[in-house]
């Protein structure tokens, strides 16, 4: 049995079947509730599409970020430079005494 057959059968409804479904909706919900129901369904579909677009955009930005990281790998930090010490002070004993003039 082909699994797409029920889906195609649903999509190939003619005008009479659509009219019957609309009549049942009118009967169950009433003429006053139908516009509110249609509005709520429209808002739900709009919010679903917005959430789907947000997820898709987040996915694409994550992929772009990964590509950017692969193209420009991070540079390892430089090791800290060894501290430079001033030259040792020479003691006054090793220097000859200043000459007197």
PDB file of N, CA and C in Angstrom:
ATOM      1  N   UNK A   1       0.839  -1.185   0.000  1.00  0.00           N
ATOM      2  CA  UNK A   1       0.000   0.000   0.000  1.00  0.00           C
ATOM      3  C   UNK A   1       0.883   1.247   0.000  1.00  0.00           C
ATOM      4  N   UNK A   2       0.553   2.169  -0.833  1.00  0.00           N
ATOM      5  CA  UNK A   2       1.324   3.397  -0.961  1.00  0.00           C
ATOM      6  C   UNK A   2       0.908   4.368   0.152  1.00  0.00           C
ATOM      7  N   UNK A   3       1.896   4.930   0.890  1.00  0.00           N
ATOM      8  CA  UNK A   3       1.595   5.814   2.027  1.00  0.00           C
ATOM      9  C   UNK A   3       1.140   7.204   1.582  1.00  0.00           C
ATOM     10  N   UNK A   4       1.437   7.613   0.368  1.00  0.00           N
ATOM     11  CA  UNK A   4       1.042   8.940  -0.067  1.00  0.00           C
ATOM     12  C   UNK A   4      -0.403   8.987  -0.548  1.00  0.00           C
ATOM     13  N   UNK A   5      -1.052   7.878  -0.712  1.00  0.00           N
ATOM     14  CA  UNK A   5      -2.418   7.841  -1.223  1.00  0.00           C
ATOM     15  C   UNK A   5      -3.393   8.599  -0.327  1.00  0.00           C
ATOM     16  N   UNK A   6      -3.400   8.406   1.024  1.00  0.00           N
ATOM     17  CA  UNK A   6      -4.347   9.172   1.844  1.00  0.00           C
ATOM     18  C   UNK A   6      -4.100  10.672   1.778  1.00  0.00           C
ATOM     19  N   UNK A   7      -2.848  11.070   1.692  1.00  0.00           N
ATOM     20  CA  UNK A   7      -2.542  12.502   1.625  1.00  0.00           C
ATOM     21  C   UNK A   7      -3.056  13.081   0.319  1.00  0.00           C
ATOM     22  N   UNK A   8      -2.820  12.393  -0.770  1.00  0.00           N
ATOM     23  CA  UNK A   8      -3.289  12.881  -2.063  1.00  0.00           C
ATOM     24  C   UNK A   8      -4.810  12.879  -2.129  1.00  0.00           C
ATOM     25  N   UNK A   9      -5.450  11.891  -1.496  1.00  0.00           N
ATOM     26  CA  UNK A   9      -6.909  11.851  -1.484  1.00  0.00           C
ATOM     27  C   UNK A   9      -7.460  13.046  -0.715  1.00  0.00           C
ATOM     28  N   UNK A  10      -6.791  13.431   0.367  1.00  0.00           N
ATOM     29  CA  UNK A  10      -7.246  14.590   1.137  1.00  0.00           C
ATOM     30  C   UNK A  10      -7.092  15.881   0.335  1.00  0.00           C
ATOM     31  N   UNK A  11      -5.999  15.987  -0.393  1.00  0.00           N
ATOM     32  CA  UNK A  11      -5.752  17.212  -1.141  1.00  0.00           C
ATOM     33  C   UNK A  11      -6.620  17.334  -2.391  1.00  0.00           C
ATOM     34  N   UNK A  12      -7.217  16.246  -2.831  1.00  0.00           N
ATOM     35  CA  UNK A  12      -8.020  16.312  -4.046  1.00  0.00           C
ATOM     36  C   UNK A  12      -9.507  16.434  -3.735  1.00  0.00           C
ATOM     37  N   UNK A  13      -9.845  17.171  -2.674  1.00  0.00           N
ATOM     38  CA  UNK A  13     -11.262  17.367  -2.335  1.00  0.00           C
ATOM     39  C   UNK A  13     -11.892  18.300  -3.362  1.00  0.00           C
ATOM     40  N   UNK A  14     -13.132  18.024  -3.691  1.00  0.00           N
ATOM     41  CA  UNK A  14     -13.839  18.899  -4.624  1.00  0.00           C
ATOM     42  C   UNK A  14     -14.659  19.927  -3.853  1.00  0.00           C
ATOM     43  N   UNK A  15     -15.384  20.758  -4.544  1.00  0.00           N
ATOM     44  CA  UNK A  15     -16.140  21.846  -3.920  1.00  0.00           C
ATOM     45  C   UNK A  15     -17.198  21.367  -2.953  1.00  0.00           C
ATOM     46  N   UNK A  16     -17.870  20.265  -3.274  1.00  0.00           N
ATOM     47  CA  UNK A  16     -18.922  19.749  -2.397  1.00  0.00           C
ATOM     48  C   UNK A  16     -18.380  19.315  -1.050  1.00  0.00           C
ATOM     49  N   UNK A  17     -17.215  18.663  -1.049  1.00  0.00           N
ATOM     50  CA  UNK A  17     -16.607  18.224   0.208  1.00  0.00           C
ATOM     51  C   UNK A  17     -16.134  19.418   1.029  1.00  0.00           C
ATOM     52  N   UNK A  18     -15.585  20.407   0.379  1.00  0.00           N
ATOM     53  CA  UNK A  18     -15.162  21.613   1.094  1.00  0.00           C
ATOM     54  C   UNK A  18     -16.364  22.328   1.707  1.00  0.00           C
ATOM     55  N   UNK A  19     -17.453  22.409   0.957  1.00  0.00           N
ATOM     56  CA  UNK A  19     -18.679  23.041   1.466  1.00  0.00           C
ATOM     57  C   UNK A  19     -19.177  22.292   2.690  1.00  0.00           C
ATOM     58  N   UNK A  20     -19.138  20.966   2.662  1.00  0.00           N
ATOM     59  CA  UNK A  20     -19.591  20.156   3.787  1.00  0.00           C
ATOM     60  C   UNK A  20     -18.735  20.410   5.025  1.00  0.00           C
ATOM     61  N   UNK A  21     -17.422  20.503   4.855  1.00  0.00           N
ATOM     62  CA  UNK A  21     -16.527  20.774   5.987  1.00  0.00           C
ATOM     63  C   UNK A  21     -16.803  22.158   6.552  1.00  0.00           C
ATOM     64  N   UNK A  22     -16.996  23.149   5.691  1.00  0.00           N
ATOM     65  CA  UNK A  22     -17.302  24.506   6.165  1.00  0.00           C
ATOM     66  C   UNK A  22     -18.633  24.522   6.909  1.00  0.00           C
ATOM     67  N   UNK A  23     -19.617  23.758   6.423  1.00  0.00           N
ATOM     68  CA  UNK A  23     -20.920  23.683   7.083  1.00  0.00           C
ATOM     69  C   UNK A  23     -20.768  23.074   8.472  1.00  0.00           C
ATOM     70  N   UNK A  24     -19.949  22.025   8.606  1.00  0.00           N
ATOM     71  CA  UNK A  24     -19.733  21.408   9.913  1.00  0.00           C
ATOM     72  C   UNK A  24     -19.053  22.376  10.881  1.00  0.00           C
ATOM     73  N   UNK A  25     -18.099  23.146  10.393  1.00  0.00           N
ATOM     74  CA  UNK A  25     -17.433  24.147  11.240  1.00  0.00           C
ATOM     75  C   UNK A  25     -18.424  25.191  11.706  1.00  0.00           C
ATOM     76  N   UNK A  26     -19.272  25.637  10.815  1.00  0.00           N
ATOM     77  CA  UNK A  26     -20.294  26.630  11.163  1.00  0.00           C
ATOM     78  C   UNK A  26     -21.258  26.052  12.179  1.00  0.00           C
ATOM     79  N   UNK A  27     -21.608  24.794  12.022  1.00  0.00           N
ATOM     80  CA  UNK A  27     -22.538  24.136  12.932  1.00  0.00           C
ATOM     81  C   UNK A  27     -21.921  23.972  14.316  1.00  0.00           C
ATOM     82  N   UNK A  28     -20.655  23.570  14.385  1.00  0.00           N
ATOM     83  CA  UNK A  28     -20.011  23.336  15.676  1.00  0.00           C
ATOM     84  C   UNK A  28     -19.650  24.622  16.405  1.00  0.00           C
ATOM     85  N   UNK A  29     -19.140  25.607  15.697  1.00  0.00           N
ATOM     86  CA  UNK A  29     -18.619  26.802  16.348  1.00  0.00           C
ATOM     87  C   UNK A  29     -19.579  27.983  16.317  1.00  0.00           C
ATOM     88  N   UNK A  30     -20.504  28.021  15.415  1.00  0.00           N
ATOM     89  CA  UNK A  30     -21.442  29.128  15.323  1.00  0.00           C
ATOM     90  C   UNK A  30     -20.868  30.264  14.504  1.00  0.00           C
ATOM     91  N   UNK A  31     -21.756  31.103  14.016  1.00  0.00           N
ATOM     92  CA  UNK A  31     -21.332  32.189  13.125  1.00  0.00           C
ATOM     93  C   UNK A  31     -20.560  33.282  13.861  1.00  0.00           C
ATOM     94  N   UNK A  32     -20.782  33.435  15.163  1.00  0.00           N
ATOM     95  CA  UNK A  32     -20.080  34.479  15.914  1.00  0.00           C
ATOM     96  C   UNK A  32     -18.656  34.058  16.280  1.00  0.00           C
ATOM     97  N   UNK A  33     -18.437  32.785  16.463  1.00  0.00           N
ATOM     98  CA  UNK A  33     -17.116  32.304  16.878  1.00  0.00           C
ATOM     99  C   UNK A  33     -16.187  32.034  15.698  1.00  0.00           C
ATOM    100  N   UNK A  34     -16.721  31.842  14.522  1.00  0.00           N
ATOM    101  CA  UNK A  34     -15.882  31.487  13.372  1.00  0.00           C
ATOM    102  C   UNK A  34     -14.834  32.542  13.033  1.00  0.00           C
ATOM    103  N   UNK A  35     -15.165  33.838  12.989  1.00  0.00           N
ATOM    104  CA  UNK A  35     -14.109  34.833  12.711  1.00  0.00           C
ATOM    105  C   UNK A  35     -13.005  34.835  13.767  1.00  0.00           C
ATOM    106  N   UNK A  36     -13.402  34.675  15.040  1.00  0.00           N
ATOM    107  CA  UNK A  36     -12.391  34.626  16.102  1.00  0.00           C
ATOM    108  C   UNK A  36     -11.502  33.396  15.948  1.00  0.00           C
ATOM    109  N   UNK A  37     -12.112  32.281  15.572  1.00  0.00           N
ATOM    110  CA  UNK A  37     -11.354  31.057  15.363  1.00  0.00           C
ATOM    111  C   UNK A  37     -10.379  31.203  14.196  1.00  0.00           C
ATOM    112  N   UNK A  38     -10.834  31.795  13.124  1.00  0.00           N
ATOM    113  CA  UNK A  38      -9.969  32.000  11.958  1.00  0.00           C
ATOM    114  C   UNK A  38      -8.823  32.958  12.294  1.00  0.00           C
ATOM    115  N   UNK A  39      -9.131  34.003  13.078  1.00  0.00           N
ATOM    116  CA  UNK A  39      -8.094  34.955  13.476  1.00  0.00           C
ATOM    117  C   UNK A  39      -7.049  34.272  14.355  1.00  0.00           C
ATOM    118  N   UNK A  40      -7.505  33.456  15.300  1.00  0.00           N
ATOM    119  CA  UNK A  40      -6.581  32.753  16.186  1.00  0.00           C
ATOM    120  C   UNK A  40      -5.720  31.773  15.392  1.00  0.00           C
ATOM    121  N   UNK A  41      -6.308  31.101  14.423  1.00  0.00           N
ATOM    122  CA  UNK A  41      -5.532  30.169  13.607  1.00  0.00           C
ATOM    123  C   UNK A  41      -4.490  30.919  12.776  1.00  0.00           C
ATOM    124  N   UNK A  42      -4.881  32.071  12.235  1.00  0.00           N
ATOM    125  CA  UNK A  42      -3.936  32.879  11.462  1.00  0.00           C
ATOM    126  C   UNK A  42      -2.766  33.343  12.308  1.00  0.00           C
ATOM    127  N   UNK A  43      -3.051  33.796  13.545  1.00  0.00           N
ATOM    128  CA  UNK A  43      -1.978  34.228  14.441  1.00  0.00           C
ATOM    129  C   UNK A  43      -1.066  33.065  14.811  1.00  0.00           C
ATOM    130  N   UNK A  44      -1.663  31.900  15.017  1.00  0.00           N
ATOM    131  CA  UNK A  44      -0.861  30.724  15.357  1.00  0.00           C
ATOM    132  C   UNK A  44       0.080  30.353  14.216  1.00  0.00           C
ATOM    133  N   UNK A  45      -0.443  30.385  13.003  1.00  0.00           N
ATOM    134  CA  UNK A  45       0.389  30.061  11.845  1.00  0.00           C
ATOM    135  C   UNK A  45       1.499  31.091  11.689  1.00  0.00           C
ATOM    136  N   UNK A  46       1.180  32.365  11.893  1.00  0.00           N
ATOM    137  CA  UNK A  46       2.172  33.434  11.780  1.00  0.00           C
ATOM    138  C   UNK A  46       3.280  33.257  12.819  1.00  0.00           C
ATOM    139  N   UNK A  47       2.909  32.958  14.069  1.00  0.00           N
ATOM    140  CA  UNK A  47       3.909  32.771  15.113  1.00  0.00           C
ATOM    141  C   UNK A  47       4.750  31.523  14.860  1.00  0.00           C
ATOM    142  N   UNK A  48       4.125  30.477  14.328  1.00  0.00           N
ATOM    143  CA  UNK A  48       4.878  29.268  14.007  1.00  0.00           C
ATOM    144  C   UNK A  48       5.915  29.553  12.926  1.00  0.00           C
ATOM    145  N   UNK A  49       5.522  30.292  11.901  1.00  0.00           N
ATOM    146  CA  UNK A  49       6.459  30.633  10.828  1.00  0.00           C
ATOM    147  C   UNK A  49       7.591  31.498  11.354  1.00  0.00           C
ATOM    148  N   UNK A  50       7.261  32.435  12.251  1.00  0.00           N
ATOM    149  CA  UNK A  50       8.288  33.306  12.821  1.00  0.00           C
ATOM    150  C   UNK A  50       9.281  32.482  13.643  1.00  0.00           C
ATOM    151  N   UNK A  51       8.769  31.551  14.447  1.00  0.00           N
ATOM    152  CA  UNK A  51       9.657  30.708  15.251  1.00  0.00           C
ATOM    153  C   UNK A  51      10.516  29.833  14.346  1.00  0.00           C
ATOM    154  N   UNK A  52       9.940  29.313  13.275  1.00  0.00           N
ATOM    155  CA  UNK A  52      10.710  28.481  12.348  1.00  0.00           C
ATOM    156  C   UNK A  52      11.804  29.308  11.682  1.00  0.00           C
ATOM    157  N   UNK A  53      11.499  30.553  11.313  1.00  0.00           N
ATOM    158  CA  UNK A  53      12.506  31.426  10.699  1.00  0.00           C
ATOM    159  C   UNK A  53      13.611  31.760  11.695  1.00  0.00           C
ATOM    160  N   UNK A  54      13.244  31.972  12.973  1.00  0.00           N
ATOM    161  CA  UNK A  54      14.252  32.267  13.995  1.00  0.00           C
ATOM    162  C   UNK A  54      15.196  31.078  14.187  1.00  0.00           C
ATOM    163  N   UNK A  55      14.630  29.880  14.222  1.00  0.00           N
ATOM    164  CA  UNK A  55      15.466  28.682  14.378  1.00  0.00           C
ATOM    165  C   UNK A  55      16.391  28.533  13.176  1.00  0.00           C
ATOM    166  N   UNK A  56      15.852  28.765  11.990  1.00  0.00           N
ATOM    167  CA  UNK A  56      16.666  28.652  10.775  1.00  0.00           C
ATOM    168  C   UNK A  56      17.787  29.688  10.775  1.00  0.00           C
ATOM    169  N   UNK A  57      17.481  30.922  11.186  1.00  0.00           N
ATOM    170  CA  UNK A  57      18.499  31.972  11.223  1.00  0.00           C
ATOM    171  C   UNK A  57      19.577  31.653  12.260  1.00  0.00           C
ATOM    172  N   UNK A  58      19.172  31.133  13.419  1.00  0.00           N
ATOM    173  CA  UNK A  58      20.151  30.749  14.436  1.00  0.00           C
ATOM    174  C   UNK A  58      21.056  29.637  13.922  1.00  0.00           C
ATOM    175  N   UNK A  59      20.483  28.695  13.205  1.00  0.00           N
ATOM    176  CA  UNK A  59      21.273  27.607  12.633  1.00  0.00           C
ATOM    177  C   UNK A  59      22.279  28.152  11.631  1.00  0.00           C
ATOM    178  N   UNK A  60      21.817  29.034  10.739  1.00  0.00           N
ATOM    179  CA  UNK A  60      22.719  29.584   9.723  1.00  0.00           C
ATOM    180  C   UNK A  60      23.818  30.437  10.356  1.00  0.00           C
ATOM    181  N   UNK A  61      23.492  31.203  11.393  1.00  0.00           N
ATOM    182  CA  UNK A  61      24.529  32.015  12.032  1.00  0.00           C
ATOM    183  C   UNK A  61      25.550  31.133  12.748  1.00  0.00           C
ATOM    184  N   UNK A  62      25.097  30.012  13.325  1.00  0.00           N
ATOM    185  CA  UNK A  62      26.034  29.091  13.973  1.00  0.00           C
ATOM    186  C   UNK A  62      26.961  28.458  12.933  1.00  0.00           C
ATOM    187  N   UNK A  63      26.416  28.115  11.781  1.00  0.00           N
ATOM    188  CA  UNK A  63      27.236  27.532  10.717  1.00  0.00           C
ATOM    189  C   UNK A  63      28.246  28.559  10.211  1.00  0.00           C
ATOM    190  N   UNK A  64      27.808  29.809  10.036  1.00  0.00           N
ATOM    191  CA  UNK A  64      28.735  30.858   9.592  1.00  0.00           C
ATOM    192  C   UNK A  64      29.839  31.074  10.615  1.00  0.00           C
ATOM    193  N   UNK A  65      29.490  31.041  11.902  1.00  0.00           N
ATOM    194  CA  UNK A  65      30.492  31.228  12.956  1.00  0.00           C
ATOM    195  C   UNK A  65      31.506  30.087  12.944  1.00  0.00           C
ATOM    196  N   UNK A  66      31.036  28.858  12.744  1.00  0.00           N
ATOM    197  CA  UNK A  66      31.958  27.721  12.657  1.00  0.00           C
ATOM    198  C   UNK A  66      32.870  27.859  11.447  1.00  0.00           C
ATOM    199  N   UNK A  67      32.317  28.288  10.314  1.00  0.00           N
ATOM    200  CA  UNK A  67      33.139  28.484   9.117  1.00  0.00           C
ATOM    201  C   UNK A  67      34.194  29.557   9.355  1.00  0.00           C
ATOM    202  N   UNK A  68      33.795  30.619  10.048  1.00  0.00           N
ATOM    203  CA  UNK A  68      34.729  31.707  10.341  1.00  0.00           C
ATOM    204  C   UNK A  68      35.844  31.216  11.260  1.00  0.00           C
ATOM    205  N   UNK A  69      35.502  30.373  12.232  1.00  0.00           N
ATOM    206  CA  UNK A  69      36.521  29.847  13.136  1.00  0.00           C
ATOM    207  C   UNK A  69      37.483  28.929  12.395  1.00  0.00           C
ATOM    208  N   UNK A  70      36.962  28.139  11.456  1.00  0.00           N
ATOM    209  CA  UNK A  70      37.828  27.252  10.693  1.00  0.00           C
ATOM    210  C   UNK A  70      38.734  28.041   9.761  1.00  0.00           C
ATOM    211  N   UNK A  71      38.234  29.135   9.186  1.00  0.00           N
ATOM    212  CA  UNK A  71      39.026  29.938   8.257  1.00  0.00           C
ATOM    213  C   UNK A  71      40.102  30.728   8.994  1.00  0.00           C
ATOM    214  N   UNK A  72      39.803  31.217  10.187  1.00  0.00           N
ATOM    215  CA  UNK A  72      40.741  32.008  10.982  1.00  0.00           C
ATOM    216  C   UNK A  72      40.901  31.351  12.347  1.00  0.00           C
ATOM    217  N   UNK A  73      41.776  30.348  12.464  1.00  0.00           N
ATOM    218  CA  UNK A  73      41.923  29.705  13.767  1.00  0.00           C
ATOM    219  C   UNK A  73      42.475  30.708  14.775  1.00  0.00           C
ATOM    220  N   UNK A  74      42.102  30.569  16.023  1.00  0.00           N
ATOM    221  CA  UNK A  74      42.583  31.525  17.027  1.00  0.00           C
ATOM    222  C   UNK A  74      44.089  31.394  17.219  1.00  0.00           C
ATOM    223  N   UNK A  75      44.725  32.514  17.401  1.00  0.00           N
ATOM    224  CA  UNK A  75      46.174  32.544  17.609  1.00  0.00           C
ATOM    225  C   UNK A  75      46.433  32.238  19.075  1.00  0.00           C
ATOM    226  N   UNK A  76      47.341  31.277  19.360  1.00  0.00           N
ATOM    227  CA  UNK A  76      47.609  30.987  20.775  1.00  0.00           C
ATOM    228  C   UNK A  76      48.246  32.195  21.437  1.00  0.00           C
ATOM    229  N   UNK A  77      47.946  32.415  22.676  1.00  0.00           N
ATOM    230  CA  UNK A  77      48.511  33.594  23.351  1.00  0.00           C
ATOM    231  C   UNK A  77      50.020  33.464  23.502  1.00  0.00           C
ATOM    232  N   UNK A  78      50.674  34.603  23.450  1.00  0.00           N
ATOM    233  CA  UNK A  78      52.123  34.638  23.592  1.00  0.00           C
ATOM    234  C   UNK A  78      52.465  34.352  25.052  1.00  0.00           C
ATOM    235  N   UNK A  79      53.560  33.589  25.286  1.00  0.00           N
ATOM    236  CA  UNK A  79      53.963  33.358  26.680  1.00  0.00           C
ATOM    237  C   UNK A  79      54.421  34.682  27.281  1.00  0.00           C
ATOM    238  N   UNK A  80      54.246  34.839  28.556  1.00  0.00           N
ATOM    239  CA  UNK A  80      54.668  36.112  29.164  1.00  0.00           C
ATOM    240  C   UNK A  80      56.181  36.282  29.051  1.00  0.00           C
ATOM    241  N   UNK A  81      56.576  37.495  28.791  1.00  0.00           N
ATOM    242  CA  UNK A  81      58.002  37.797  28.638  1.00  0.00           C
ATOM    243  C   UNK A  81      58.684  37.671  29.996  1.00  0.00           C
ATOM    244  N   UNK A  82      59.908  37.205  29.969  1.00  0.00           N
ATOM    245  CA  UNK A  82      60.672  37.090  31.210  1.00  0.00           C
ATOM    246  C   UNK A  82      60.934  38.491  31.745  1.00  0.00           C
ATOM    247  N   UNK A  83      60.779  38.666  33.022  1.00  0.00           N
ATOM    248  CA  UNK A  83      60.993  40.013  33.567  1.00  0.00           C
ATOM    249  C   UNK A  83      62.470  40.428  33.405  1.00  0.00           C
ATOM    250  N   UNK A  84      62.652  41.650  33.029  1.00  0.00           N
ATOM    251  CA  UNK A  84      64.021  42.149  32.857  1.00  0.00           C
ATOM    252  C   UNK A  84      64.468  42.775  34.164  1.00  0.00           C
ATOM    253  N   UNK A  85      65.585  42.317  34.630  1.00  0.00           N
ATOM    254  CA  UNK A  85      66.128  42.840  35.879  1.00  0.00           C
ATOM    255  C   UNK A  85      67.179  43.891  35.557  1.00  0.00           C
ATOM    256  N   UNK A  86      67.269  44.898  36.384  1.00  0.00           N
ATOM    257  CA  UNK A  86      68.319  45.894  36.148  1.00  0.00           C
ATOM    258  C   UNK A  86      69.688  45.240  36.409  1.00  0.00           C
ATOM    259  N   UNK A  87      70.726  45.763  35.771  1.00  0.00           N
ATOM    260  CA  UNK A  87      72.054  45.166  36.002  1.00  0.00           C
ATOM    261  C   UNK A  87      72.421  45.288  37.475  1.00  0.00           C
ATOM    262  N   UNK A  88      73.155  44.319  37.959  1.00  0.00           N
ATOM    263  CA  UNK A  88      73.502  44.367  39.395  1.00  0.00           C
ATOM    264  C   UNK A  88      74.346  45.618  39.698  1.00  0.00           C
ATOM    265  N   UNK A  89      74.076  46.214  40.815  1.00  0.00           N
ATOM    266  CA  UNK A  89      74.818  47.419  41.220  1.00  0.00           C
ATOM    267  C   UNK A  89      76.223  47.010  41.654  1.00  0.00           C
ATOM    268  N   UNK A  90      77.188  47.772  41.187  1.00  0.00           N
ATOM    269  CA  UNK A  90      78.567  47.467  41.562  1.00  0.00           C
ATOM    270  C   UNK A  90      78.841  48.075  42.922  1.00  0.00           C
ATOM    271  N   UNK A  91      79.518  47.318  43.695  1.00  0.00           N
ATOM    272  CA  UNK A  91      79.802  47.808  45.040  1.00  0.00           C
ATOM    273  C   UNK A  91      80.913  48.865  44.984  1.00  0.00           C
ATOM    274  N   UNK A  92      80.936  49.731  45.935  1.00  0.00           N
ATOM    275  CA  UNK A  92      81.928  50.803  45.952  1.00  0.00           C
ATOM    276  C   UNK A  92      83.317  50.272  46.278  1.00  0.00           C
ATOM    277  N   UNK A  93      83.432  49.075  46.803  1.00  0.00           N
ATOM    278  CA  UNK A  93      84.741  48.512  47.155  1.00  0.00           C
ATOM    279  C   UNK A  93      85.510  48.119  45.878  1.00  0.00           C
ATOM    280  N   UNK A  94      84.830  47.698  44.878  1.00  0.00           N
ATOM    281  CA  UNK A  94      85.530  47.261  43.695  1.00  0.00           C
ATOM    282  C   UNK A  94      85.970  48.440  42.821  1.00  0.00           C
ATOM    283  N   UNK A  95      85.459  49.626  43.058  1.00  0.00           N
ATOM    284  CA  UNK A  95      85.867  50.783  42.273  1.00  0.00           C
ATOM    285  C   UNK A  95      87.045  51.480  42.967  1.00  0.00           C
ATOM    286  N   UNK A  96      87.971  51.935  42.156  1.00  0.00           N
ATOM    287  CA  UNK A  96      89.076  52.648  42.771  1.00  0.00           C
ATOM    288  C   UNK A  96      88.585  53.995  43.320  1.00  0.00           C
ATOM    289  N   UNK A  97      89.195  54.475  44.331  1.00  0.00           N
ATOM    290  CA  UNK A  97      88.748  55.756  44.897  1.00  0.00           C
ATOM    291  C   UNK A  97      88.984  56.892  43.892  1.00  0.00           C
ATOM    292  N   UNK A  98      88.134  57.871  43.898  1.00  0.00           N
ATOM    293  CA  UNK A  98      88.316  58.954  42.930  1.00  0.00           C
ATOM    294  C   UNK A  98      89.635  59.699  43.216  1.00  0.00           C
ATOM    295  N   UNK A  99      90.232  60.146  42.147  1.00  0.00           N
ATOM    296  CA  UNK A  99      91.505  60.869  42.270  1.00  0.00           C
ATOM    297  C   UNK A  99      91.255  62.292  42.688  1.00  0.00           C
ATOM    298  N   UNK A 100      92.160  62.764  43.528  1.00  0.00           N
ATOM    299  CA  UNK A 100      92.027  64.140  43.974  1.00  0.00           C
ATOM    300  C   UNK A 100      92.942  65.014  43.148  1.00  0.00           C
ATOM    301  N   UNK A 101      92.528  66.099  42.750  1.00  0.00           N
ATOM    302  CA  UNK A 101      93.311  66.991  41.929  1.00  0.00           C
ATOM    303  C   UNK A 101      93.900  68.128  42.694  1.00  0.00           C
TER     304      UNK A 101
END
